[in-house]
N, C-alpha and C. Protein backbone atom coordinates (compact mmCIF):
# COMPACT_ATOMS: atom_id res chain seq x y z
N UNK A 1 119.30 40.59 167.82
CA UNK A 1 118.65 40.79 166.50
C UNK A 1 118.33 42.29 166.26
N UNK A 2 117.82 42.92 167.36
CA UNK A 2 117.51 44.36 167.18
C UNK A 2 118.77 45.16 166.91
N UNK A 3 119.87 44.76 167.61
CA UNK A 3 121.09 45.46 167.46
C UNK A 3 121.60 45.37 166.02
N UNK A 4 121.43 44.20 165.44
CA UNK A 4 121.84 43.96 164.02
C UNK A 4 121.01 44.87 163.10
N UNK A 5 119.69 44.95 163.34
CA UNK A 5 118.76 45.73 162.50
C UNK A 5 119.14 47.19 162.65
N UNK A 6 119.39 47.68 163.88
CA UNK A 6 119.77 49.09 164.10
C UNK A 6 121.07 49.45 163.37
N UNK A 7 122.08 48.51 163.49
CA UNK A 7 123.32 48.72 162.79
C UNK A 7 123.17 48.82 161.30
N UNK A 8 122.23 47.97 160.76
CA UNK A 8 121.99 48.00 159.29
C UNK A 8 121.36 49.31 158.88
N UNK A 9 120.38 49.77 159.68
CA UNK A 9 119.76 51.05 159.39
C UNK A 9 120.80 52.19 159.40
N UNK A 10 121.65 52.14 160.46
CA UNK A 10 122.66 53.22 160.62
C UNK A 10 123.62 53.24 159.38
N UNK A 11 124.02 52.04 158.88
CA UNK A 11 124.95 51.98 157.76
C UNK A 11 124.25 52.59 156.51
N UNK A 12 122.93 52.27 156.31
CA UNK A 12 122.21 52.81 155.18
C UNK A 12 122.16 54.32 155.25
N UNK A 13 121.87 54.88 156.42
CA UNK A 13 121.78 56.30 156.57
C UNK A 13 123.15 56.97 156.34
N UNK A 14 124.22 56.35 156.84
CA UNK A 14 125.57 56.91 156.64
C UNK A 14 125.91 56.90 155.19
N UNK A 15 125.61 55.78 154.53
CA UNK A 15 125.93 55.64 153.06
C UNK A 15 125.17 56.69 152.22
N UNK A 16 123.90 56.94 152.67
CA UNK A 16 123.09 57.96 151.95
C UNK A 16 123.65 59.30 152.10
N UNK A 17 124.10 59.63 153.34
CA UNK A 17 124.72 60.92 153.63
C UNK A 17 125.99 61.12 152.80
N UNK A 18 126.75 60.01 152.77
CA UNK A 18 128.05 60.09 152.01
C UNK A 18 127.77 60.36 150.54
N UNK A 19 126.75 59.64 149.96
CA UNK A 19 126.45 59.92 148.56
C UNK A 19 125.95 61.36 148.35
N UNK A 20 125.20 61.86 149.29
CA UNK A 20 124.69 63.24 149.26
C UNK A 20 125.83 64.20 149.27
N UNK A 21 126.83 63.94 150.14
CA UNK A 21 128.01 64.80 150.26
C UNK A 21 128.79 64.82 149.01
N UNK A 22 128.95 63.65 148.39
CA UNK A 22 129.69 63.50 147.11
C UNK A 22 128.98 64.32 146.04
N UNK A 23 127.63 64.25 146.04
CA UNK A 23 126.91 65.01 145.02
C UNK A 23 127.05 66.46 145.17
N UNK A 24 127.06 66.94 146.41
CA UNK A 24 127.22 68.34 146.69
C UNK A 24 128.63 68.80 146.28
N UNK A 25 129.64 67.96 146.56
CA UNK A 25 131.03 68.29 146.17
C UNK A 25 131.17 68.33 144.66
N UNK A 26 130.43 67.49 143.96
CA UNK A 26 130.54 67.50 142.51
C UNK A 26 129.77 68.57 141.84
N UNK A 27 128.77 69.13 142.53
CA UNK A 27 127.90 70.15 141.92
C UNK A 27 128.71 71.39 141.35
N UNK A 28 129.64 71.99 142.15
CA UNK A 28 130.41 73.10 141.58
C UNK A 28 131.29 72.70 140.39
N UNK A 29 131.85 71.47 140.45
CA UNK A 29 132.68 71.01 139.35
C UNK A 29 131.87 70.81 138.12
N UNK A 30 130.62 70.28 138.24
CA UNK A 30 129.77 70.07 137.13
C UNK A 30 129.37 71.37 136.52
N UNK A 31 129.04 72.38 137.40
CA UNK A 31 128.61 73.66 136.93
C UNK A 31 129.72 74.36 136.14
N UNK A 32 131.00 74.26 136.67
CA UNK A 32 132.14 74.84 135.99
C UNK A 32 132.36 74.16 134.64
N UNK A 33 132.24 72.85 134.61
CA UNK A 33 132.45 72.14 133.36
C UNK A 33 131.38 72.52 132.30
N UNK A 34 130.14 72.69 132.78
CA UNK A 34 129.00 73.07 131.89
C UNK A 34 129.32 74.51 131.31
N UNK A 35 129.80 75.37 132.17
CA UNK A 35 130.09 76.75 131.71
C UNK A 35 131.18 76.75 130.65
N UNK A 36 132.23 75.92 130.87
CA UNK A 36 133.32 75.84 129.92
C UNK A 36 132.87 75.27 128.55
N UNK A 37 131.88 74.45 128.55
CA UNK A 37 131.38 73.82 127.40
C UNK A 37 130.33 74.70 126.61
N UNK A 38 129.78 75.68 127.33
CA UNK A 38 128.73 76.53 126.78
C UNK A 38 129.32 77.63 125.89
N UNK A 39 128.67 77.94 124.80
CA UNK A 39 129.02 79.01 123.92
C UNK A 39 128.40 80.33 124.40
N UNK A 40 129.11 81.44 124.22
CA UNK A 40 128.53 82.76 124.44
C UNK A 40 128.84 83.57 123.23
N UNK A 41 127.87 84.45 122.88
CA UNK A 41 128.01 85.21 121.59
C UNK A 41 127.72 86.69 121.89
N UNK A 42 128.28 87.53 121.01
CA UNK A 42 128.05 88.98 121.06
C UNK A 42 127.98 89.52 119.66
N UNK A 43 126.95 90.26 119.43
CA UNK A 43 126.79 90.97 118.12
C UNK A 43 126.60 92.45 118.33
N UNK A 44 127.45 93.26 117.70
CA UNK A 44 127.39 94.68 117.95
C UNK A 44 127.47 95.46 116.61
N UNK A 45 126.87 96.63 116.64
CA UNK A 45 126.92 97.54 115.49
C UNK A 45 127.31 98.92 115.97
N UNK A 46 128.40 99.48 115.48
CA UNK A 46 128.85 100.81 115.88
C UNK A 46 128.78 101.77 114.77
N UNK A 47 128.02 102.83 114.96
CA UNK A 47 127.81 103.87 113.89
C UNK A 47 128.73 105.05 114.18
N UNK A 48 129.51 105.45 113.22
CA UNK A 48 130.41 106.59 113.27
C UNK A 48 129.82 107.78 112.47
N UNK A 49 129.73 108.92 113.16
CA UNK A 49 129.29 110.17 112.50
C UNK A 49 130.47 111.15 112.61
N UNK A 50 131.28 111.12 111.49
CA UNK A 50 132.52 111.90 111.43
C UNK A 50 132.33 113.23 110.64
N UNK A 51 132.72 114.36 111.18
CA UNK A 51 132.55 115.60 110.43
C UNK A 51 133.38 115.60 109.13
N UNK A 52 132.79 116.11 108.08
CA UNK A 52 133.42 116.20 106.72
C UNK A 52 133.83 114.84 106.22
N UNK A 53 133.09 113.82 106.64
CA UNK A 53 133.34 112.43 106.19
C UNK A 53 132.07 111.72 106.14
N UNK A 54 132.06 110.56 105.43
CA UNK A 54 130.87 109.79 105.36
C UNK A 54 130.55 109.03 106.67
N UNK A 55 129.31 108.84 106.91
CA UNK A 55 128.92 108.03 108.04
C UNK A 55 129.02 106.55 107.70
N UNK A 56 129.42 105.72 108.63
CA UNK A 56 129.47 104.32 108.31
C UNK A 56 129.23 103.48 109.59
N UNK A 57 128.93 102.23 109.39
CA UNK A 57 128.60 101.29 110.45
C UNK A 57 129.76 100.22 110.55
N UNK A 58 130.15 99.88 111.72
CA UNK A 58 131.20 98.96 111.98
C UNK A 58 130.60 97.75 112.79
N UNK A 59 130.28 96.64 112.16
CA UNK A 59 129.73 95.49 112.90
C UNK A 59 130.84 94.57 113.36
N UNK A 60 130.56 93.91 114.52
CA UNK A 60 131.50 92.93 115.08
C UNK A 60 130.73 91.76 115.62
N UNK A 61 131.22 90.55 115.43
CA UNK A 61 130.57 89.36 116.00
C UNK A 61 131.60 88.53 116.72
N UNK A 62 131.36 88.09 117.91
CA UNK A 62 132.25 87.28 118.67
C UNK A 62 131.60 86.06 119.17
N UNK A 63 132.41 84.95 119.32
CA UNK A 63 131.88 83.66 119.87
C UNK A 63 132.98 83.16 120.78
N UNK A 64 132.58 82.80 121.99
CA UNK A 64 133.57 82.28 123.00
C UNK A 64 133.04 80.97 123.60
N UNK A 65 134.00 80.02 123.81
CA UNK A 65 133.67 78.81 124.50
C UNK A 65 134.92 78.38 125.23
N UNK A 66 134.85 78.49 126.61
CA UNK A 66 135.98 78.20 127.41
C UNK A 66 137.20 79.08 127.04
N UNK A 67 138.30 78.48 126.69
CA UNK A 67 139.49 79.24 126.28
C UNK A 67 139.39 79.81 124.92
N UNK A 68 138.50 79.34 124.05
CA UNK A 68 138.48 79.67 122.61
C UNK A 68 137.74 80.99 122.39
N UNK A 69 138.38 81.88 121.65
CA UNK A 69 137.73 83.15 121.25
C UNK A 69 137.75 83.30 119.76
N UNK A 70 136.64 83.53 119.11
CA UNK A 70 136.55 83.74 117.67
C UNK A 70 135.81 85.11 117.46
N UNK A 71 136.33 85.82 116.40
CA UNK A 71 135.77 87.15 116.20
C UNK A 71 135.90 87.50 114.72
N UNK A 72 134.93 88.29 114.27
CA UNK A 72 135.00 88.86 112.93
C UNK A 72 134.53 90.34 112.98
N UNK A 73 135.22 91.18 112.19
CA UNK A 73 134.92 92.57 112.17
C UNK A 73 134.85 93.08 110.74
N UNK A 74 134.17 94.19 110.51
CA UNK A 74 134.12 94.82 109.22
C UNK A 74 134.17 96.36 109.46
N UNK A 75 134.93 97.02 108.56
CA UNK A 75 135.12 98.45 108.65
C UNK A 75 135.84 98.90 109.95
N UNK A 76 136.68 98.03 110.44
CA UNK A 76 137.42 98.40 111.66
C UNK A 76 138.77 98.92 111.30
N UNK A 77 139.59 98.14 110.68
CA UNK A 77 140.93 98.53 110.25
C UNK A 77 140.90 99.57 109.15
N UNK A 78 139.95 99.46 108.28
CA UNK A 78 139.72 100.41 107.17
C UNK A 78 138.32 100.17 106.66
N UNK A 79 137.82 101.16 105.90
CA UNK A 79 136.48 100.98 105.31
C UNK A 79 136.63 99.89 104.23
N UNK A 80 135.54 99.15 103.98
CA UNK A 80 135.45 98.02 103.03
C UNK A 80 136.56 97.00 103.30
N UNK A 81 136.77 96.76 104.57
CA UNK A 81 137.86 95.86 105.00
C UNK A 81 137.26 94.96 106.10
N UNK A 82 137.51 93.62 105.97
CA UNK A 82 137.04 92.68 106.98
C UNK A 82 138.24 92.02 107.64
N UNK A 83 137.97 91.38 108.83
CA UNK A 83 139.03 90.72 109.52
C UNK A 83 138.48 89.47 110.30
N UNK A 84 139.26 88.43 110.37
CA UNK A 84 138.94 87.20 111.13
C UNK A 84 139.94 86.98 112.20
N UNK A 85 139.47 86.61 113.43
CA UNK A 85 140.39 86.52 114.57
C UNK A 85 140.24 85.20 115.31
N UNK A 86 141.35 84.78 115.88
CA UNK A 86 141.39 83.60 116.77
C UNK A 86 142.16 83.97 117.97
N UNK A 87 141.61 83.62 119.21
CA UNK A 87 142.27 84.03 120.41
C UNK A 87 142.12 83.00 121.50
N UNK A 88 142.86 83.24 122.62
CA UNK A 88 142.85 82.35 123.74
C UNK A 88 142.49 83.17 125.00
N UNK A 89 141.44 82.73 125.72
CA UNK A 89 140.93 83.46 126.84
C UNK A 89 141.64 83.06 128.11
N UNK A 90 142.11 84.06 128.88
CA UNK A 90 142.59 83.92 130.25
C UNK A 90 141.78 84.79 131.17
N UNK A 91 141.54 84.34 132.40
CA UNK A 91 140.83 85.21 133.30
C UNK A 91 141.12 84.75 134.75
N UNK A 92 140.85 85.64 135.71
CA UNK A 92 141.10 85.31 137.09
C UNK A 92 140.75 86.50 137.99
N UNK A 93 141.13 86.39 139.29
CA UNK A 93 140.90 87.47 140.22
C UNK A 93 139.60 87.25 140.97
N UNK A 94 139.51 87.92 142.16
CA UNK A 94 138.26 87.94 142.94
C UNK A 94 137.78 89.40 143.09
N UNK A 95 138.44 90.15 144.00
CA UNK A 95 138.10 91.56 144.06
C UNK A 95 138.51 92.34 142.85
N UNK A 96 139.71 92.05 142.40
CA UNK A 96 140.16 92.68 141.10
C UNK A 96 140.09 91.54 140.04
N UNK A 97 139.00 91.61 139.23
CA UNK A 97 138.80 90.60 138.24
C UNK A 97 139.48 91.04 136.96
N UNK A 98 140.07 90.10 136.23
CA UNK A 98 140.78 90.46 135.02
C UNK A 98 140.50 89.41 133.92
N UNK A 99 140.55 89.87 132.66
CA UNK A 99 140.44 89.00 131.49
C UNK A 99 141.51 89.43 130.48
N UNK A 100 142.16 88.48 129.87
CA UNK A 100 143.18 88.77 128.88
C UNK A 100 143.05 87.76 127.75
N UNK A 101 143.00 88.33 126.50
CA UNK A 101 142.90 87.41 125.35
C UNK A 101 143.87 87.87 124.24
N UNK A 102 144.96 87.16 124.06
CA UNK A 102 145.81 87.45 122.93
C UNK A 102 145.14 86.94 121.68
N UNK A 103 145.16 87.70 120.58
CA UNK A 103 144.45 87.30 119.38
C UNK A 103 145.39 87.50 118.15
N UNK A 104 145.04 86.74 117.09
CA UNK A 104 145.77 86.85 115.85
C UNK A 104 144.71 86.88 114.74
N UNK A 105 144.90 87.89 113.84
CA UNK A 105 143.92 88.04 112.77
C UNK A 105 144.44 88.13 111.39
N UNK A 106 143.57 87.89 110.46
CA UNK A 106 143.85 88.08 109.05
C UNK A 106 142.96 89.24 108.53
N UNK A 107 143.51 90.16 107.77
CA UNK A 107 142.89 91.34 107.31
C UNK A 107 142.74 91.25 105.77
N UNK A 108 141.60 91.56 105.24
CA UNK A 108 141.35 91.48 103.79
C UNK A 108 140.37 92.56 103.40
N UNK A 109 140.60 93.08 102.13
CA UNK A 109 139.79 94.11 101.57
C UNK A 109 140.66 95.29 101.11
N UNK A 110 140.20 96.52 101.37
CA UNK A 110 141.02 97.68 100.95
C UNK A 110 142.39 97.68 101.69
N UNK A 111 142.42 97.09 102.86
CA UNK A 111 143.70 96.79 103.57
C UNK A 111 143.83 95.30 103.69
N UNK A 112 145.02 94.81 103.36
CA UNK A 112 145.28 93.36 103.46
C UNK A 112 146.54 93.13 104.29
N UNK A 113 146.46 92.19 105.21
CA UNK A 113 147.63 91.86 106.00
C UNK A 113 147.30 90.89 107.16
N UNK A 114 148.21 90.86 108.08
CA UNK A 114 148.03 90.03 109.29
C UNK A 114 148.20 90.93 110.49
N UNK A 115 147.58 90.51 111.66
CA UNK A 115 147.64 91.41 112.80
C UNK A 115 147.65 90.65 114.10
N UNK A 116 148.66 90.73 114.89
CA UNK A 116 148.63 90.25 116.29
C UNK A 116 147.98 91.36 117.16
N UNK A 117 147.23 90.90 118.13
CA UNK A 117 146.54 91.89 119.00
C UNK A 117 146.20 91.35 120.35
N UNK A 118 145.39 92.06 121.03
CA UNK A 118 144.98 91.72 122.38
C UNK A 118 143.65 92.34 122.79
N UNK A 119 143.00 91.74 123.74
CA UNK A 119 141.84 92.28 124.45
C UNK A 119 142.04 92.10 125.89
N UNK A 120 141.91 93.17 126.71
CA UNK A 120 142.15 93.03 128.14
C UNK A 120 141.19 93.92 128.91
N UNK A 121 140.81 93.47 130.10
CA UNK A 121 139.95 94.23 130.96
C UNK A 121 140.23 93.98 132.43
N UNK A 122 140.02 94.98 133.28
CA UNK A 122 140.17 94.91 134.73
C UNK A 122 138.90 95.51 135.30
N UNK A 123 138.36 94.82 136.33
CA UNK A 123 137.17 95.28 137.03
C UNK A 123 137.46 95.27 138.52
N UNK A 124 137.15 96.39 139.16
CA UNK A 124 137.30 96.51 140.61
C UNK A 124 136.20 97.41 141.14
N UNK A 125 135.41 96.83 142.09
CA UNK A 125 134.32 97.62 142.64
C UNK A 125 133.38 98.04 141.51
N UNK A 126 133.17 99.29 141.28
CA UNK A 126 132.29 99.79 140.24
C UNK A 126 133.09 100.34 139.02
N UNK A 127 134.43 100.13 139.11
CA UNK A 127 135.26 100.65 138.05
C UNK A 127 135.67 99.54 137.05
N UNK A 128 135.81 99.93 135.80
CA UNK A 128 136.29 98.96 134.78
C UNK A 128 137.22 99.70 133.80
N UNK A 129 138.34 99.03 133.53
CA UNK A 129 139.28 99.52 132.51
C UNK A 129 139.40 98.41 131.48
N UNK A 130 139.16 98.80 130.19
CA UNK A 130 139.25 97.81 129.09
C UNK A 130 140.06 98.46 127.93
N UNK A 131 140.70 97.55 127.21
CA UNK A 131 141.47 97.98 126.05
C UNK A 131 141.58 96.90 125.04
N UNK A 132 141.52 97.24 123.76
CA UNK A 132 141.82 96.27 122.72
C UNK A 132 142.69 97.00 121.68
N UNK A 133 143.68 96.24 121.21
CA UNK A 133 144.63 96.83 120.29
C UNK A 133 145.16 95.80 119.31
N UNK A 134 145.76 96.27 118.23
CA UNK A 134 146.29 95.36 117.22
C UNK A 134 147.33 96.13 116.40
N UNK A 135 148.29 95.44 115.91
CA UNK A 135 149.27 96.06 114.97
C UNK A 135 149.08 95.36 113.62
N UNK A 136 148.62 96.10 112.61
CA UNK A 136 148.34 95.50 111.33
C UNK A 136 149.62 95.65 110.46
N UNK A 137 150.12 94.54 110.01
CA UNK A 137 151.24 94.53 109.11
C UNK A 137 150.61 94.46 107.70
N UNK A 138 150.64 95.61 106.96
CA UNK A 138 150.05 95.69 105.68
C UNK A 138 150.97 95.00 104.64
N UNK A 139 150.46 93.91 103.99
CA UNK A 139 151.28 93.12 103.11
C UNK A 139 151.32 93.78 101.74
N UNK A 140 150.49 94.82 101.44
CA UNK A 140 150.53 95.44 100.16
C UNK A 140 151.45 96.71 100.22
N UNK A 141 151.36 97.44 101.35
CA UNK A 141 152.06 98.70 101.48
C UNK A 141 152.59 98.78 102.88
N UNK A 142 153.88 98.73 103.05
CA UNK A 142 154.51 98.81 104.35
C UNK A 142 154.15 100.11 105.12
N UNK A 143 153.92 101.17 104.40
CA UNK A 143 153.51 102.44 105.00
C UNK A 143 152.10 102.35 105.56
N UNK A 144 151.36 101.36 105.16
CA UNK A 144 150.01 101.19 105.63
C UNK A 144 149.93 100.44 107.00
N UNK A 145 151.12 99.95 107.44
CA UNK A 145 151.12 99.24 108.74
C UNK A 145 150.83 100.25 109.89
N UNK A 146 150.08 99.83 110.86
CA UNK A 146 149.54 100.82 111.80
C UNK A 146 149.15 100.11 113.07
N UNK A 147 149.26 100.79 114.24
CA UNK A 147 148.75 100.27 115.55
C UNK A 147 147.40 100.91 115.81
N UNK A 148 146.39 100.04 115.99
CA UNK A 148 145.03 100.44 116.29
C UNK A 148 144.75 100.21 117.75
N UNK A 149 143.93 101.09 118.37
CA UNK A 149 143.63 100.88 119.78
C UNK A 149 142.28 101.53 120.14
N UNK A 150 141.58 100.89 121.01
CA UNK A 150 140.36 101.45 121.59
C UNK A 150 140.40 101.15 123.09
N UNK A 151 140.36 102.19 123.97
CA UNK A 151 140.44 101.94 125.35
C UNK A 151 139.32 102.75 126.07
N UNK A 152 138.82 102.18 127.19
CA UNK A 152 137.76 102.79 127.99
C UNK A 152 138.06 102.67 129.47
N UNK A 153 137.74 103.74 130.23
CA UNK A 153 137.76 103.75 131.68
C UNK A 153 136.39 104.26 132.12
N UNK A 154 135.65 103.42 132.83
CA UNK A 154 134.29 103.83 133.20
C UNK A 154 133.96 103.42 134.61
N UNK A 155 132.90 104.08 135.18
CA UNK A 155 132.35 103.73 136.50
C UNK A 155 130.86 103.54 136.35
N UNK A 156 130.36 102.54 137.11
CA UNK A 156 128.95 102.18 137.06
C UNK A 156 128.30 102.42 138.43
N UNK A 157 127.67 103.60 138.65
CA UNK A 157 127.00 103.85 139.95
C UNK A 157 125.91 102.84 140.21
N UNK A 158 125.24 102.43 139.12
CA UNK A 158 124.26 101.34 139.17
C UNK A 158 124.52 100.34 138.10
N UNK A 159 123.92 99.14 138.12
CA UNK A 159 124.21 98.07 137.20
C UNK A 159 123.88 98.51 135.75
N UNK A 160 122.89 99.31 135.52
CA UNK A 160 122.35 99.56 134.17
C UNK A 160 122.93 100.89 133.57
N UNK A 161 123.86 101.52 134.28
CA UNK A 161 124.38 102.83 133.79
C UNK A 161 125.82 103.01 134.06
N UNK A 162 126.54 103.51 133.08
CA UNK A 162 127.98 103.79 133.32
C UNK A 162 128.36 105.06 132.50
N UNK A 163 129.42 105.66 132.92
CA UNK A 163 130.01 106.78 132.20
C UNK A 163 131.50 106.85 132.45
N UNK A 164 132.22 107.55 131.52
CA UNK A 164 133.64 107.62 131.70
C UNK A 164 134.41 108.22 130.58
N UNK A 165 135.61 107.74 130.36
CA UNK A 165 136.54 108.26 129.30
C UNK A 165 136.84 107.23 128.24
N UNK A 166 137.13 107.66 127.05
CA UNK A 166 137.42 106.81 125.96
C UNK A 166 138.54 107.36 125.11
N UNK A 167 139.34 106.51 124.48
CA UNK A 167 140.38 106.94 123.60
C UNK A 167 140.52 105.96 122.45
N UNK A 168 140.90 106.43 121.26
CA UNK A 168 141.10 105.53 120.16
C UNK A 168 142.16 106.05 119.25
N UNK A 169 142.82 105.06 118.50
CA UNK A 169 143.75 105.39 117.46
C UNK A 169 143.36 104.61 116.24
N UNK A 170 143.01 105.24 115.18
CA UNK A 170 142.47 104.51 114.03
C UNK A 170 142.88 105.22 112.75
N UNK A 171 142.81 104.43 111.66
CA UNK A 171 143.01 104.96 110.31
C UNK A 171 141.78 104.73 109.41
N UNK A 172 140.72 104.28 110.00
CA UNK A 172 139.48 104.02 109.26
C UNK A 172 138.95 105.31 108.64
N UNK A 173 139.24 106.47 109.23
CA UNK A 173 138.89 107.74 108.71
C UNK A 173 139.99 108.74 109.13
N UNK A 174 140.00 109.84 108.41
CA UNK A 174 141.05 110.86 108.61
C UNK A 174 140.72 111.73 109.84
N UNK A 175 141.74 112.04 110.59
CA UNK A 175 141.59 112.91 111.77
C UNK A 175 142.86 113.71 111.99
N UNK A 176 142.70 114.98 112.42
CA UNK A 176 143.85 115.77 112.74
C UNK A 176 144.50 115.37 114.02
N UNK A 177 143.85 114.51 114.85
CA UNK A 177 144.35 114.11 116.16
C UNK A 177 144.76 112.64 116.01
N UNK A 178 146.01 112.35 116.43
CA UNK A 178 146.52 110.99 116.30
C UNK A 178 145.82 110.01 117.30
N UNK A 179 145.76 110.45 118.56
CA UNK A 179 145.06 109.73 119.59
C UNK A 179 143.78 110.55 119.97
N UNK A 180 142.65 110.10 119.53
CA UNK A 180 141.42 110.82 119.83
C UNK A 180 140.93 110.47 121.20
N UNK A 181 140.48 111.51 121.92
CA UNK A 181 139.98 111.34 123.28
C UNK A 181 138.59 111.84 123.42
N UNK A 182 137.85 111.23 124.35
CA UNK A 182 136.46 111.69 124.50
C UNK A 182 135.76 111.18 125.71
N UNK A 183 134.42 111.27 125.77
CA UNK A 183 133.59 110.89 126.86
C UNK A 183 132.63 109.79 126.35
N UNK A 184 132.21 108.97 127.32
CA UNK A 184 131.21 107.93 127.04
C UNK A 184 130.15 107.86 128.11
N UNK A 185 128.95 107.42 127.62
CA UNK A 185 127.85 107.23 128.56
C UNK A 185 127.08 106.02 128.02
N UNK A 186 126.75 105.06 128.90
CA UNK A 186 126.17 103.81 128.47
C UNK A 186 125.04 103.36 129.31
N UNK A 187 124.12 102.64 128.67
CA UNK A 187 122.96 102.08 129.38
C UNK A 187 122.85 100.55 128.96
N UNK A 188 122.36 99.76 129.86
CA UNK A 188 122.12 98.35 129.61
C UNK A 188 120.79 97.88 130.11
N UNK A 189 120.19 96.97 129.39
CA UNK A 189 118.92 96.33 129.83
C UNK A 189 118.94 94.89 129.40
N UNK A 190 118.97 94.02 130.43
CA UNK A 190 119.03 92.57 130.18
C UNK A 190 120.21 92.24 129.29
N UNK A 191 120.07 91.82 128.07
CA UNK A 191 121.18 91.38 127.21
C UNK A 191 121.58 92.45 126.21
N UNK A 192 121.00 93.64 126.32
CA UNK A 192 121.30 94.69 125.40
C UNK A 192 122.08 95.85 126.03
N UNK A 193 123.11 96.28 125.36
CA UNK A 193 123.91 97.45 125.86
C UNK A 193 123.89 98.54 124.73
N UNK A 194 123.75 99.79 125.17
CA UNK A 194 123.87 100.91 124.27
C UNK A 194 124.81 101.94 124.85
N UNK A 195 125.81 102.37 124.06
CA UNK A 195 126.79 103.38 124.54
C UNK A 195 126.99 104.35 123.44
N UNK A 196 127.02 105.63 123.86
CA UNK A 196 127.33 106.74 122.98
C UNK A 196 128.67 107.36 123.40
N UNK A 197 129.42 107.80 122.35
CA UNK A 197 130.75 108.39 122.56
C UNK A 197 130.81 109.74 121.84
N UNK A 198 131.57 110.62 122.44
CA UNK A 198 131.88 111.94 121.80
C UNK A 198 133.39 112.15 121.85
N UNK A 199 134.01 112.21 120.66
CA UNK A 199 135.43 112.40 120.53
C UNK A 199 135.73 113.83 120.06
N UNK A 200 136.93 114.29 120.43
CA UNK A 200 137.45 115.58 119.98
C UNK A 200 136.49 116.76 120.32
N UNK A 201 135.99 116.78 121.54
CA UNK A 201 135.04 117.87 121.88
C UNK A 201 135.75 119.22 121.94
N UNK A 202 137.03 119.28 122.06
CA UNK A 202 137.77 120.51 122.12
C UNK A 202 138.23 120.97 120.77
N UNK A 203 137.80 120.30 119.67
CA UNK A 203 138.20 120.70 118.34
C UNK A 203 137.07 121.30 117.50
N UNK A 204 136.02 121.67 118.11
CA UNK A 204 134.95 122.30 117.41
C UNK A 204 133.95 121.39 116.73
N UNK A 205 134.45 120.44 115.99
CA UNK A 205 133.61 119.47 115.30
C UNK A 205 133.90 118.06 115.82
N UNK A 206 133.07 117.67 116.86
CA UNK A 206 133.33 116.36 117.47
C UNK A 206 132.86 115.21 116.57
N UNK A 207 133.46 114.08 116.77
CA UNK A 207 133.03 112.85 116.13
C UNK A 207 132.13 112.12 117.08
N UNK A 208 130.96 111.66 116.60
CA UNK A 208 130.00 110.96 117.45
C UNK A 208 130.00 109.50 117.06
N UNK A 209 129.93 108.69 118.08
CA UNK A 209 129.89 107.21 117.87
C UNK A 209 128.79 106.64 118.70
N UNK A 210 127.99 105.75 118.07
CA UNK A 210 126.89 105.13 118.81
C UNK A 210 126.97 103.61 118.66
N UNK A 211 127.04 102.88 119.72
CA UNK A 211 127.26 101.44 119.66
C UNK A 211 126.12 100.68 120.39
N UNK A 212 125.55 99.68 119.79
CA UNK A 212 124.56 98.86 120.38
C UNK A 212 125.03 97.40 120.24
N UNK A 213 124.92 96.62 121.35
CA UNK A 213 125.37 95.25 121.32
C UNK A 213 124.36 94.30 121.96
N UNK A 214 124.30 93.13 121.48
CA UNK A 214 123.45 92.08 122.03
C UNK A 214 124.30 90.89 122.43
N UNK A 215 124.14 90.53 123.71
CA UNK A 215 124.95 89.42 124.28
C UNK A 215 124.03 88.17 124.52
N UNK A 216 124.43 87.02 124.04
CA UNK A 216 123.53 85.86 124.23
C UNK A 216 124.39 84.59 124.20
């Protein structure tokens, strides 16, 4: 009788451990599934101070959930011009982490058209390379079609500080330089990032750009 009781207790203990093991195995899967179902948002405002030109603000709002990427911009392709974007998120890597999002947008306002584009980033150690670009097919004026690009290469000695190089190609304002190059310095605190940029430092009258973003 004692042997039967001991065997019964042993089976209960083994069953309990098995259920515990199953729960532990499912935990990472449940966490991954929860992350894929969760929304993440970003709201940014970028102020341009251009010599011999008006100052203006360029706001951007993004929303991501798993593979889905949604985005809206204003004053990016041109002043008084908005755009709506739909994209698909890809990501991977361990030591070298990467993200790639092909996007397609509709442009409306002073510039009207459609635009295929991309957003891509690579992170390794304390280094990060990011770039976003698009080719706007102007449906009103073929000569208005143009390739836009913004690219950054930065290093972060500490989590809250980074500095590096930046380049852009834009028609939102006039410039004597086709591809504008400059320096960047950025700070972050919790969910807020602030970055300042200086373009065309070798041309006497630099263009200053100040960007603040909230991630939630």
